Amino acid sequence: MSAATVLTEGLYFGEGPRWHDGRLWFSDFYAHAVKSVGRDGGQRVELEMDDQPSGLGWLPDGRLLVVSMADMKLLRLDPDGLKVHADLSEFSAHLCNDMVVDNHGRAWVGNFGFDLDAQIEEKGVEVALADHPATNLVRVDPDGSVHRASPDMHFPNGMVITPDGKTLIVAETLSMCLTAFDIEGDGSLRNRRVWAEVGMRAPDGICLNEAGNVWVANALAAECVLVGEGGEILQSVETSQPCFACMLGGDDGHTLHMVTAQSSDKRAASAEPTGKIEVCTVDVAGAGCP
């Protein structure tokens, strides 16, 4: 097992890390801000907003897309400010969350489906995992039109798209698996299948490498693991606290960035900035989207 080192800290709860223009961009839920960090660990605020930001991506013309969690909207940063790109509420429940944007500007957005913190507090983690409502994965086309991409998803979370643009892999956190779909030319999904079961791990954020394997942030433990299709654990990196998202980047794509925090519980995470971004050099560079 490899060990991570801390690049930067002082976050509340980081999400949606994306390597963009030589920096790692990410959302910080309870700071209500999109931030970035350089190779030297220096942070800067890229965008402030009233709601909690989550998933990030960019349209082909370079405009930023950001998920507005409680408002259940996908926002677009135009030269004259934030605009509503799409209203996700018709097909989403509770909080919208992570997102991947493809090279055509199509965005796939997940959502909680229910109040996870409340259910864990009332019934415990094991019951929340076993007994919870399913929800939809949502697709937003470049024109802002909203479509139900797939029903019956169990907390659709981190997502990646293969370099050929033909396969979407989704972390279903509460099913403890990675689920794959074929992407049709019009963006519709077919051939749903289990890409990998990950055992007693709750897959949160994910990223893809050039070998076609997926790095998985395990929300239940202080680790980020490399998973092959079928579920083999190929490598593991130990973090200092539970890991909630990951992204390959750096000048050569070989730096694995891991977003960690002491807890994902809203009250705990919003009370104190325990979040960090931790890094480790890996052998295989990143690929695909994001």
C-alpha atoms as a PDB file:
ATOM      1  CA  MET A   1       0.000   0.000   0.000  1.00  0.00           C
ATOM      2  CA  SER A   2       1.294   3.454  -0.933  1.00  0.00           C
ATOM      3  CA  ALA A   3       0.874   6.454   1.342  1.00  0.00           C
ATOM      4  CA  ALA A   4      -0.415   9.897   0.400  1.00  0.00           C
ATOM      5  CA  THR A   5       1.049  13.243   1.388  1.00  0.00           C
ATOM      6  CA  VAL A   6      -0.929  16.441   2.033  1.00  0.00           C
ATOM      7  CA  LEU A   7      -0.927  19.035  -0.756  1.00  0.00           C
ATOM      8  CA  THR A   8      -3.298  21.501   0.913  1.00  0.00           C
ATOM      9  CA  GLU A   9      -5.805  21.616   3.777  1.00  0.00           C
ATOM     10  CA  GLY A  10      -8.334  23.899   5.424  1.00  0.00           C
ATOM     11  CA  LEU A  11     -11.293  22.770   3.303  1.00  0.00           C
ATOM     12  CA  TYR A  12     -14.722  22.064   4.727  1.00  0.00           C
ATOM     13  CA  PHE A  13     -15.805  19.294   2.347  1.00  0.00           C
ATOM     14  CA  GLY A  14     -14.266  18.991  -1.097  1.00  0.00           C
ATOM     15  CA  GLU A  15     -15.990  17.422  -4.096  1.00  0.00           C
ATOM     16  CA  GLY A  16     -15.667  17.169  -7.886  1.00  0.00           C
ATOM     17  CA  PRO A  17     -11.877  17.537  -8.292  1.00  0.00           C
ATOM     18  CA  ARG A  18     -10.965  18.299 -11.920  1.00  0.00           C
ATOM     19  CA  TRP A  19      -7.564  18.981 -13.479  1.00  0.00           C
ATOM     20  CA  HIS A  20      -7.995  22.119 -15.596  1.00  0.00           C
ATOM     21  CA  ASP A  21      -5.526  24.671 -16.963  1.00  0.00           C
ATOM     22  CA  GLY A  22      -2.649  23.440 -14.839  1.00  0.00           C
ATOM     23  CA  ARG A  23      -4.543  23.477 -11.537  1.00  0.00           C
ATOM     24  CA  LEU A  24      -6.829  21.160  -9.598  1.00  0.00           C
ATOM     25  CA  TRP A  25     -10.306  22.688  -9.413  1.00  0.00           C
ATOM     26  CA  PHE A  26     -12.795  21.486  -6.796  1.00  0.00           C
ATOM     27  CA  SER A  27     -15.957  22.452  -4.962  1.00  0.00           C
ATOM     28  CA  ASP A  28     -15.927  23.170  -1.226  1.00  0.00           C
ATOM     29  CA  PHE A  29     -19.515  22.497  -0.079  1.00  0.00           C
ATOM     30  CA  TYR A  30     -19.740  24.560   3.082  1.00  0.00           C
ATOM     31  CA  ALA A  31     -17.471  27.375   1.949  1.00  0.00           C
ATOM     32  CA  HIS A  32     -20.024  27.800  -0.892  1.00  0.00           C
ATOM     33  CA  ALA A  33     -17.119  28.160  -3.278  1.00  0.00           C
ATOM     34  CA  VAL A  34     -15.368  26.620  -6.250  1.00  0.00           C
ATOM     35  CA  LYS A  35     -11.632  26.717  -5.600  1.00  0.00           C
ATOM     36  CA  SER A  36      -8.427  25.603  -7.248  1.00  0.00           C
ATOM     37  CA  VAL A  37      -5.023  24.585  -5.979  1.00  0.00           C
ATOM     38  CA  GLY A  38      -1.660  24.755  -7.702  1.00  0.00           C
ATOM     39  CA  ARG A  39       1.219  22.321  -7.576  1.00  0.00           C
ATOM     40  CA  ASP A  40       2.692  24.326  -4.674  1.00  0.00           C
ATOM     41  CA  GLY A  41      -0.461  23.861  -2.570  1.00  0.00           C
ATOM     42  CA  GLY A  42      -1.597  27.454  -2.940  1.00  0.00           C
ATOM     43  CA  GLN A  43      -5.381  27.820  -3.063  1.00  0.00           C
ATOM     44  CA  ARG A  44      -7.494  30.435  -4.786  1.00  0.00           C
ATOM     45  CA  VAL A  45     -11.244  31.021  -4.952  1.00  0.00           C
ATOM     46  CA  GLU A  46     -12.551  30.738  -8.513  1.00  0.00           C
ATOM     47  CA  LEU A  47     -16.269  31.257  -7.831  1.00  0.00           C
ATOM     48  CA  GLU A  48     -18.502  32.007  -4.843  1.00  0.00           C
ATOM     49  CA  MET A  49     -22.191  31.101  -4.794  1.00  0.00           C
ATOM     50  CA  ASP A  50     -25.130  31.030  -2.382  1.00  0.00           C
ATOM     51  CA  ASP A  51     -25.852  27.299  -2.658  1.00  0.00           C
ATOM     52  CA  GLN A  52     -23.505  24.371  -2.129  1.00  0.00           C
ATOM     53  CA  PRO A  53     -21.514  23.653  -5.298  1.00  0.00           C
ATOM     54  CA  SER A  54     -20.711  20.078  -6.285  1.00  0.00           C
ATOM     55  CA  GLY A  55     -19.868  18.521  -9.674  1.00  0.00           C
ATOM     56  CA  LEU A  56     -17.760  20.548 -12.095  1.00  0.00           C
ATOM     57  CA  GLY A  57     -17.147  20.433 -15.834  1.00  0.00           C
ATOM     58  CA  TRP A  58     -16.599  22.613 -18.883  1.00  0.00           C
ATOM     59  CA  LEU A  59     -18.473  23.116 -22.129  1.00  0.00           C
ATOM     60  CA  PRO A  60     -16.454  22.838 -25.357  1.00  0.00           C
ATOM     61  CA  ASP A  61     -16.272  26.643 -25.536  1.00  0.00           C
ATOM     62  CA  GLY A  62     -14.620  26.758 -22.091  1.00  0.00           C
ATOM     63  CA  ARG A  63     -17.524  27.925 -19.954  1.00  0.00           C
ATOM     64  CA  LEU A  64     -17.689  26.340 -16.504  1.00  0.00           C
ATOM     65  CA  LEU A  65     -20.645  24.186 -15.453  1.00  0.00           C
ATOM     66  CA  VAL A  66     -21.286  23.678 -11.745  1.00  0.00           C
ATOM     67  CA  VAL A  67     -23.973  21.691  -9.931  1.00  0.00           C
ATOM     68  CA  SER A  68     -26.014  23.703  -7.443  1.00  0.00           C
ATOM     69  CA  MET A  69     -26.957  21.025  -4.926  1.00  0.00           C
ATOM     70  CA  ALA A  70     -30.008  22.138  -2.940  1.00  0.00           C
ATOM     71  CA  ASP A  71     -31.434  24.240  -5.790  1.00  0.00           C
ATOM     72  CA  MET A  72     -31.167  21.151  -8.039  1.00  0.00           C
ATOM     73  CA  LYS A  73     -29.858  23.228 -10.913  1.00  0.00           C
ATOM     74  CA  LEU A  74     -26.927  23.066 -13.268  1.00  0.00           C
ATOM     75  CA  LEU A  75     -25.367  26.518 -13.516  1.00  0.00           C
ATOM     76  CA  ARG A  76     -23.209  27.952 -16.299  1.00  0.00           C
ATOM     77  CA  LEU A  77     -20.616  30.661 -15.828  1.00  0.00           C
ATOM     78  CA  ASP A  78     -20.989  33.119 -18.695  1.00  0.00           C
ATOM     79  CA  PRO A  79     -18.795  36.212 -19.132  1.00  0.00           C
ATOM     80  CA  ASP A  80     -21.504  38.253 -17.400  1.00  0.00           C
ATOM     81  CA  GLY A  81     -22.058  35.863 -14.483  1.00  0.00           C
ATOM     82  CA  LEU A  82     -23.786  32.651 -13.417  1.00  0.00           C
ATOM     83  CA  LYS A  83     -26.828  31.537 -15.405  1.00  0.00           C
ATOM     84  CA  VAL A  84     -29.175  28.567 -15.063  1.00  0.00           C
ATOM     85  CA  HIS A  85     -28.124  26.034 -17.677  1.00  0.00           C
ATOM     86  CA  ALA A  86     -30.735  23.434 -16.638  1.00  0.00           C
ATOM     87  CA  ASP A  87     -33.314  22.699 -13.938  1.00  0.00           C
ATOM     88  CA  LEU A  88     -32.708  19.134 -12.693  1.00  0.00           C
ATOM     89  CA  SER A  89     -35.576  18.923 -10.209  1.00  0.00           C
ATOM     90  CA  GLU A  90     -38.004  16.951 -12.388  1.00  0.00           C
ATOM     91  CA  PHE A  91     -35.804  13.860 -12.251  1.00  0.00           C
ATOM     92  CA  SER A  92     -33.787  14.445  -9.051  1.00  0.00           C
ATOM     93  CA  ALA A  93     -34.442  14.029  -5.345  1.00  0.00           C
ATOM     94  CA  HIS A  94     -33.002  15.731  -2.263  1.00  0.00           C
ATOM     95  CA  LEU A  95     -29.538  16.958  -3.371  1.00  0.00           C
ATOM     96  CA  CYS A  96     -27.864  16.935  -6.769  1.00  0.00           C
ATOM     97  CA  ASN A  97     -24.246  15.914  -6.605  1.00  0.00           C
ATOM     98  CA  ASP A  98     -21.402  14.758  -8.841  1.00  0.00           C
ATOM     99  CA  MET A  99     -21.236  15.176 -12.613  1.00  0.00           C
ATOM    100  CA  VAL A 100     -19.212  14.330 -15.698  1.00  0.00           C
ATOM    101  CA  VAL A 101     -19.237  16.417 -18.896  1.00  0.00           C
ATOM    102  CA  ASP A 102     -18.255  14.806 -22.199  1.00  0.00           C
ATOM    103  CA  ASN A 103     -16.407  16.352 -25.128  1.00  0.00           C
ATOM    104  CA  HIS A 104     -19.724  17.299 -26.775  1.00  0.00           C
ATOM    105  CA  GLY A 105     -20.863  19.285 -23.720  1.00  0.00           C
ATOM    106  CA  ARG A 106     -23.372  16.692 -22.526  1.00  0.00           C
ATOM    107  CA  ALA A 107     -23.521  16.466 -18.734  1.00  0.00           C
ATOM    108  CA  TRP A 108     -24.566  13.484 -16.643  1.00  0.00           C
ATOM    109  CA  VAL A 109     -25.574  14.448 -13.099  1.00  0.00           C
ATOM    110  CA  GLY A 110     -26.315  12.255 -10.081  1.00  0.00           C
ATOM    111  CA  ASN A 111     -28.308  12.993  -6.944  1.00  0.00           C
ATOM    112  CA  PHE A 112     -28.731  11.617  -3.440  1.00  0.00           C
ATOM    113  CA  GLY A 113     -32.301  10.383  -3.917  1.00  0.00           C
ATOM    114  CA  PHE A 114     -33.087  10.890  -0.219  1.00  0.00           C
ATOM    115  CA  ASP A 115     -31.746  12.523   2.964  1.00  0.00           C
ATOM    116  CA  LEU A 116     -28.802  10.210   3.644  1.00  0.00           C
ATOM    117  CA  ASP A 117     -27.634  11.910   6.853  1.00  0.00           C
ATOM    118  CA  ALA A 118     -31.127  11.736   8.380  1.00  0.00           C
ATOM    119  CA  GLN A 119     -31.548   8.065   7.483  1.00  0.00           C
ATOM    120  CA  ILE A 120     -28.132   7.137   8.876  1.00  0.00           C
ATOM    121  CA  GLU A 121     -28.914   9.013  12.099  1.00  0.00           C
ATOM    122  CA  GLU A 122     -32.311   7.342  12.415  1.00  0.00           C
ATOM    123  CA  LYS A 123     -31.526   3.805  11.259  1.00  0.00           C
ATOM    124  CA  GLY A 124     -27.746   3.416  11.070  1.00  0.00           C
ATOM    125  CA  VAL A 125     -25.345   2.966   8.167  1.00  0.00           C
ATOM    126  CA  GLU A 126     -26.175  -0.668   7.465  1.00  0.00           C
ATOM    127  CA  VAL A 127     -29.905   0.005   7.126  1.00  0.00           C
ATOM    128  CA  ALA A 128     -29.259   3.069   4.949  1.00  0.00           C
ATOM    129  CA  LEU A 129     -27.179   0.908   2.649  1.00  0.00           C
ATOM    130  CA  ALA A 130     -29.725  -1.886   2.490  1.00  0.00           C
ATOM    131  CA  ASP A 131     -33.037   0.003   2.513  1.00  0.00           C
ATOM    132  CA  HIS A 132     -33.240   3.258   0.564  1.00  0.00           C
ATOM    133  CA  PRO A 133     -35.152   4.685  -2.408  1.00  0.00           C
ATOM    134  CA  ALA A 134     -33.609   4.514  -5.856  1.00  0.00           C
ATOM    135  CA  THR A 135     -33.263   7.627  -7.995  1.00  0.00           C
ATOM    136  CA  ASN A 136     -32.446   8.750 -11.535  1.00  0.00           C
ATOM    137  CA  LEU A 137     -29.274   9.559 -13.368  1.00  0.00           C
ATOM    138  CA  VAL A 138     -29.934  12.746 -15.355  1.00  0.00           C
ATOM    139  CA  ARG A 139     -28.498  13.872 -18.694  1.00  0.00           C
ATOM    140  CA  VAL A 140     -28.340  17.525 -19.730  1.00  0.00           C
ATOM    141  CA  ASP A 141     -27.700  18.196 -23.408  1.00  0.00           C
ATOM    142  CA  PRO A 142     -25.653  21.217 -24.564  1.00  0.00           C
ATOM    143  CA  ASP A 143     -28.870  23.165 -25.261  1.00  0.00           C
ATOM    144  CA  GLY A 144     -29.891  22.773 -21.606  1.00  0.00           C
ATOM    145  CA  SER A 145     -32.621  20.182 -22.222  1.00  0.00           C
ATOM    146  CA  VAL A 146     -32.955  17.633 -19.399  1.00  0.00           C
ATOM    147  CA  HIS A 147     -33.512  13.891 -19.820  1.00  0.00           C
ATOM    148  CA  ARG A 148     -33.802  10.868 -17.542  1.00  0.00           C
ATOM    149  CA  ALA A 149     -30.663   8.931 -18.507  1.00  0.00           C
ATOM    150  CA  SER A 150     -31.327   5.906 -16.283  1.00  0.00           C
ATOM    151  CA  PRO A 151     -33.838   5.079 -13.517  1.00  0.00           C
ATOM    152  CA  ASP A 152     -33.297   2.800 -10.515  1.00  0.00           C
ATOM    153  CA  MET A 153     -29.880   4.110  -9.540  1.00  0.00           C
ATOM    154  CA  HIS A 154     -28.608   3.675  -5.996  1.00  0.00           C
ATOM    155  CA  PHE A 155     -26.970   6.997  -5.127  1.00  0.00           C
ATOM    156  CA  PRO A 156     -25.272   7.712  -8.490  1.00  0.00           C
ATOM    157  CA  ASN A 157     -22.068   9.496  -7.619  1.00  0.00           C
ATOM    158  CA  GLY A 158     -18.693   9.790  -9.356  1.00  0.00           C
ATOM    159  CA  MET A 159     -18.628   9.170 -13.125  1.00  0.00           C
ATOM    160  CA  VAL A 160     -16.101   8.729 -15.920  1.00  0.00           C
ATOM    161  CA  ILE A 161     -16.330   8.448 -19.707  1.00  0.00           C
ATOM    162  CA  THR A 162     -13.822   6.372 -21.658  1.00  0.00           C
ATOM    163  CA  PRO A 163     -11.541   8.146 -24.165  1.00  0.00           C
ATOM    164  CA  ASP A 164     -13.561   6.899 -27.155  1.00  0.00           C
ATOM    165  CA  GLY A 165     -16.688   8.497 -25.672  1.00  0.00           C
ATOM    166  CA  LYS A 166     -18.593   5.214 -25.862  1.00  0.00           C
ATOM    167  CA  THR A 167     -18.783   4.032 -22.232  1.00  0.00           C
ATOM    168  CA  LEU A 168     -20.041   5.749 -19.073  1.00  0.00           C
ATOM    169  CA  ILE A 169     -19.014   4.242 -15.730  1.00  0.00           C
ATOM    170  CA  VAL A 170     -20.962   5.353 -12.639  1.00  0.00           C
ATOM    171  CA  ALA A 171     -20.159   4.768  -8.965  1.00  0.00           C
ATOM    172  CA  GLU A 172     -23.377   3.582  -7.311  1.00  0.00           C
ATOM    173  CA  THR A 173     -22.330   4.357  -3.762  1.00  0.00           C
ATOM    174  CA  LEU A 174     -25.074   2.465  -1.946  1.00  0.00           C
ATOM    175  CA  SER A 175     -24.848  -0.600  -4.193  1.00  0.00           C
ATOM    176  CA  MET A 176     -21.088  -0.747  -3.611  1.00  0.00           C
ATOM    177  CA  CYS A 177     -20.409  -1.220  -7.288  1.00  0.00           C
ATOM    178  CA  LEU A 178     -19.388   0.507 -10.487  1.00  0.00           C
ATOM    179  CA  THR A 179     -22.064   0.363 -13.185  1.00  0.00           C
ATOM    180  CA  ALA A 180     -21.331   0.769 -16.903  1.00  0.00           C
ATOM    181  CA  PHE A 181     -23.476   1.862 -19.848  1.00  0.00           C
ATOM    182  CA  ASP A 182     -22.915   2.121 -23.582  1.00  0.00           C
ATOM    183  CA  ILE A 183     -23.392   5.707 -24.808  1.00  0.00           C
ATOM    184  CA  GLU A 184     -25.385   6.013 -28.026  1.00  0.00           C
ATOM    185  CA  GLY A 185     -24.793   8.772 -30.576  1.00  0.00           C
ATOM    186  CA  ASP A 186     -27.692  10.822 -29.192  1.00  0.00           C
ATOM    187  CA  GLY A 187     -26.434  10.482 -25.607  1.00  0.00           C
ATOM    188  CA  SER A 188     -28.944   7.839 -24.547  1.00  0.00           C
ATOM    189  CA  LEU A 189     -27.657   4.911 -22.499  1.00  0.00           C
ATOM    190  CA  ARG A 190     -28.076   1.184 -23.087  1.00  0.00           C
ATOM    191  CA  ASN A 191     -26.619  -2.153 -21.983  1.00  0.00           C
ATOM    192  CA  ARG A 192     -26.515  -1.440 -18.264  1.00  0.00           C
ATOM    193  CA  ARG A 193     -24.166  -3.824 -16.480  1.00  0.00           C
ATOM    194  CA  VAL A 194     -22.067  -4.181 -13.348  1.00  0.00           C
ATOM    195  CA  TRP A 195     -18.532  -3.155 -14.294  1.00  0.00           C
ATOM    196  CA  ALA A 196     -17.063  -4.044 -10.895  1.00  0.00           C
ATOM    197  CA  GLU A 197     -18.216  -4.927  -7.409  1.00  0.00           C
ATOM    198  CA  VAL A 198     -15.947  -3.348  -4.810  1.00  0.00           C
ATOM    199  CA  GLY A 199     -16.740  -5.360  -1.679  1.00  0.00           C
ATOM    200  CA  MET A 200     -17.426  -3.446   1.534  1.00  0.00           C
ATOM    201  CA  ARG A 201     -16.384  -0.154   0.008  1.00  0.00           C
ATOM    202  CA  ALA A 202     -18.691   2.786  -0.738  1.00  0.00           C
ATOM    203  CA  PRO A 203     -17.445   4.157  -4.069  1.00  0.00           C
ATOM    204  CA  ASP A 204     -17.701   7.943  -4.128  1.00  0.00           C
ATOM    205  CA  GLY A 205     -15.625   9.963  -6.593  1.00  0.00           C
ATOM    206  CA  ILE A 206     -13.780   8.074  -9.337  1.00  0.00           C
ATOM    207  CA  CYS A 207     -11.284   8.689 -12.147  1.00  0.00           C
ATOM    208  CA  LEU A 208     -10.015   6.638 -15.076  1.00  0.00           C
ATOM    209  CA  ASN A 209      -6.450   5.801 -16.140  1.00  0.00           C
ATOM    210  CA  GLU A 210      -4.923   4.996 -19.524  1.00  0.00           C
ATOM    211  CA  ALA A 211      -5.003   1.255 -18.788  1.00  0.00           C
ATOM    212  CA  GLY A 212      -8.794   1.391 -18.478  1.00  0.00           C
ATOM    213  CA  ASN A 213      -8.799   0.892 -14.705  1.00  0.00           C
ATOM    214  CA  VAL A 214     -10.676   3.105 -12.251  1.00  0.00           C
ATOM    215  CA  TRP A 215      -9.407   4.813  -9.117  1.00  0.00           C
ATOM    216  CA  VAL A 216     -12.154   4.724  -6.469  1.00  0.00           C
ATOM    217  CA  ALA A 217     -12.418   6.950  -3.394  1.00  0.00           C
ATOM    218  CA  ASN A 218     -13.789   4.822  -0.558  1.00  0.00           C
ATOM    219  CA  ALA A 219     -16.124   6.958   1.557  1.00  0.00           C
ATOM    220  CA  LEU A 220     -16.022   4.364   4.355  1.00  0.00           C
ATOM    221  CA  ALA A 221     -12.258   4.298   4.885  1.00  0.00           C
ATOM    222  CA  ALA A 222      -9.008   6.215   4.581  1.00  0.00           C
ATOM    223  CA  GLU A 223      -8.094   4.790   1.209  1.00  0.00           C
ATOM    224  CA  CYS A 224      -8.289   5.206  -2.545  1.00  0.00           C
ATOM    225  CA  VAL A 225      -8.112   1.973  -4.542  1.00  0.00           C
ATOM    226  CA  LEU A 226      -7.424   1.120  -8.175  1.00  0.00           C
ATOM    227  CA  VAL A 227     -10.066  -1.274  -9.502  1.00  0.00           C
ATOM    228  CA  GLY A 228      -9.962  -3.365 -12.648  1.00  0.00           C
ATOM    229  CA  GLU A 229     -13.032  -4.399 -14.617  1.00  0.00           C
ATOM    230  CA  GLY A 230     -14.553  -7.307 -12.712  1.00  0.00           C
ATOM    231  CA  GLY A 231     -13.518  -5.967  -9.308  1.00  0.00           C
ATOM    232  CA  GLU A 232      -9.861  -6.878  -8.781  1.00  0.00           C
ATOM    233  CA  ILE A 233      -8.100  -4.416  -6.466  1.00  0.00           C
ATOM    234  CA  LEU A 234      -4.873  -3.572  -8.277  1.00  0.00           C
ATOM    235  CA  GLN A 235      -3.421  -0.933  -5.964  1.00  0.00           C
ATOM    236  CA  SER A 236      -4.289   0.922  -2.782  1.00  0.00           C
ATOM    237  CA  VAL A 237      -3.239   4.315  -1.439  1.00  0.00           C
ATOM    238  CA  GLU A 238      -3.633   5.108   2.252  1.00  0.00           C
ATOM    239  CA  THR A 239      -4.947   8.570   3.112  1.00  0.00           C
ATOM    240  CA  SER A 240      -4.968  10.327   6.481  1.00  0.00           C
ATOM    241  CA  GLN A 241      -8.782  10.314   6.756  1.00  0.00           C
ATOM    242  CA  PRO A 242     -11.776   9.014   4.749  1.00  0.00           C
ATOM    243  CA  CYS A 243     -11.473   9.649   1.007  1.00  0.00           C
ATOM    244  CA  PHE A 244     -14.437  11.081  -0.915  1.00  0.00           C
ATOM    245  CA  ALA A 245     -13.127  11.964  -4.377  1.00  0.00           C
ATOM    246  CA  CYS A 246     -10.096  11.550  -6.608  1.00  0.00           C
ATOM    247  CA  MET A 247      -8.596  12.902  -9.832  1.00  0.00           C
ATOM    248  CA  LEU A 248      -5.489  12.218 -11.887  1.00  0.00           C
ATOM    249  CA  GLY A 249      -3.600  15.294 -13.019  1.00  0.00           C
ATOM    250  CA  GLY A 250      -0.314  17.137 -12.807  1.00  0.00           C
ATOM    251  CA  ASP A 251       1.919  17.983 -15.764  1.00  0.00           C
ATOM    252  CA  ASP A 252       2.114  14.352 -16.907  1.00  0.00           C
ATOM    253  CA  GLY A 253      -1.203  13.055 -15.517  1.00  0.00           C
ATOM    254  CA  HIS A 254       0.547  10.818 -12.978  1.00  0.00           C
ATOM    255  CA  THR A 255      -0.446  12.694  -9.799  1.00  0.00           C
ATOM    256  CA  LEU A 256      -3.399  11.149  -8.005  1.00  0.00           C
ATOM    257  CA  HIS A 257      -5.251  13.846  -6.058  1.00  0.00           C
ATOM    258  CA  MET A 258      -7.459  12.557  -3.225  1.00  0.00           C
ATOM    259  CA  VAL A 259     -10.041  14.709  -1.441  1.00  0.00           C
ATOM    260  CA  THR A 260     -10.454  13.730   2.203  1.00  0.00           C
ATOM    261  CA  ALA A 261     -12.351  14.848   5.311  1.00  0.00           C
ATOM    262  CA  GLN A 262     -12.992  13.577   8.804  1.00  0.00           C
ATOM    263  CA  SER A 263     -16.679  13.065   8.052  1.00  0.00           C
ATOM    264  CA  SER A 264     -19.279  13.533   5.315  1.00  0.00           C
ATOM    265  CA  ASP A 265     -21.994  14.295   7.897  1.00  0.00           C
ATOM    266  CA  LYS A 266     -23.225  17.816   7.192  1.00  0.00           C
ATOM    267  CA  ARG A 267     -23.133  19.023  10.796  1.00  0.00           C
ATOM    268  CA  ALA A 268     -19.626  17.755  11.388  1.00  0.00           C
ATOM    269  CA  ALA A 269     -18.197  18.764   8.005  1.00  0.00           C
ATOM    270  CA  SER A 270     -19.655  22.278   8.098  1.00  0.00           C
ATOM    271  CA  ALA A 271     -18.490  22.945  11.653  1.00  0.00           C
ATOM    272  CA  GLU A 272     -14.747  22.700  11.114  1.00  0.00           C
ATOM    273  CA  PRO A 273     -12.487  22.768   8.018  1.00  0.00           C
ATOM    274  CA  THR A 274     -10.890  19.343   8.372  1.00  0.00           C
ATOM    275  CA  GLY A 275     -10.788  18.676   4.626  1.00  0.00           C
ATOM    276  CA  LYS A 276      -7.541  18.080   2.765  1.00  0.00           C
ATOM    277  CA  ILE A 277      -6.278  17.303  -0.697  1.00  0.00           C
ATOM    278  CA  GLU A 278      -3.693  14.547  -0.548  1.00  0.00           C
ATOM    279  CA  VAL A 279      -1.482  13.359  -3.390  1.00  0.00           C
ATOM    280  CA  CYS A 280       0.488  10.351  -4.551  1.00  0.00           C
ATOM    281  CA  THR A 281       2.477   9.670  -7.733  1.00  0.00           C
ATOM    282  CA  VAL A 282       1.166   6.660  -9.687  1.00  0.00           C
ATOM    283  CA  ASP A 283       2.508   4.692 -12.646  1.00  0.00           C
ATOM    284  CA  VAL A 284      -0.340   5.176 -15.146  1.00  0.00           C
ATOM    285  CA  ALA A 285      -1.656   8.561 -16.258  1.00  0.00           C
ATOM    286  CA  GLY A 286      -5.255   9.692 -16.380  1.00  0.00           C
ATOM    287  CA  ALA A 287      -7.527   9.298 -19.403  1.00  0.00           C
ATOM    288  CA  GLY A 288     -11.023  10.067 -20.629  1.00  0.00           C
ATOM    289  CA  CYS A 289     -13.459  12.481 -19.003  1.00  0.00           C
ATOM    290  CA  PRO A 290     -13.231  14.206 -16.620  1.00  0.00           C
END
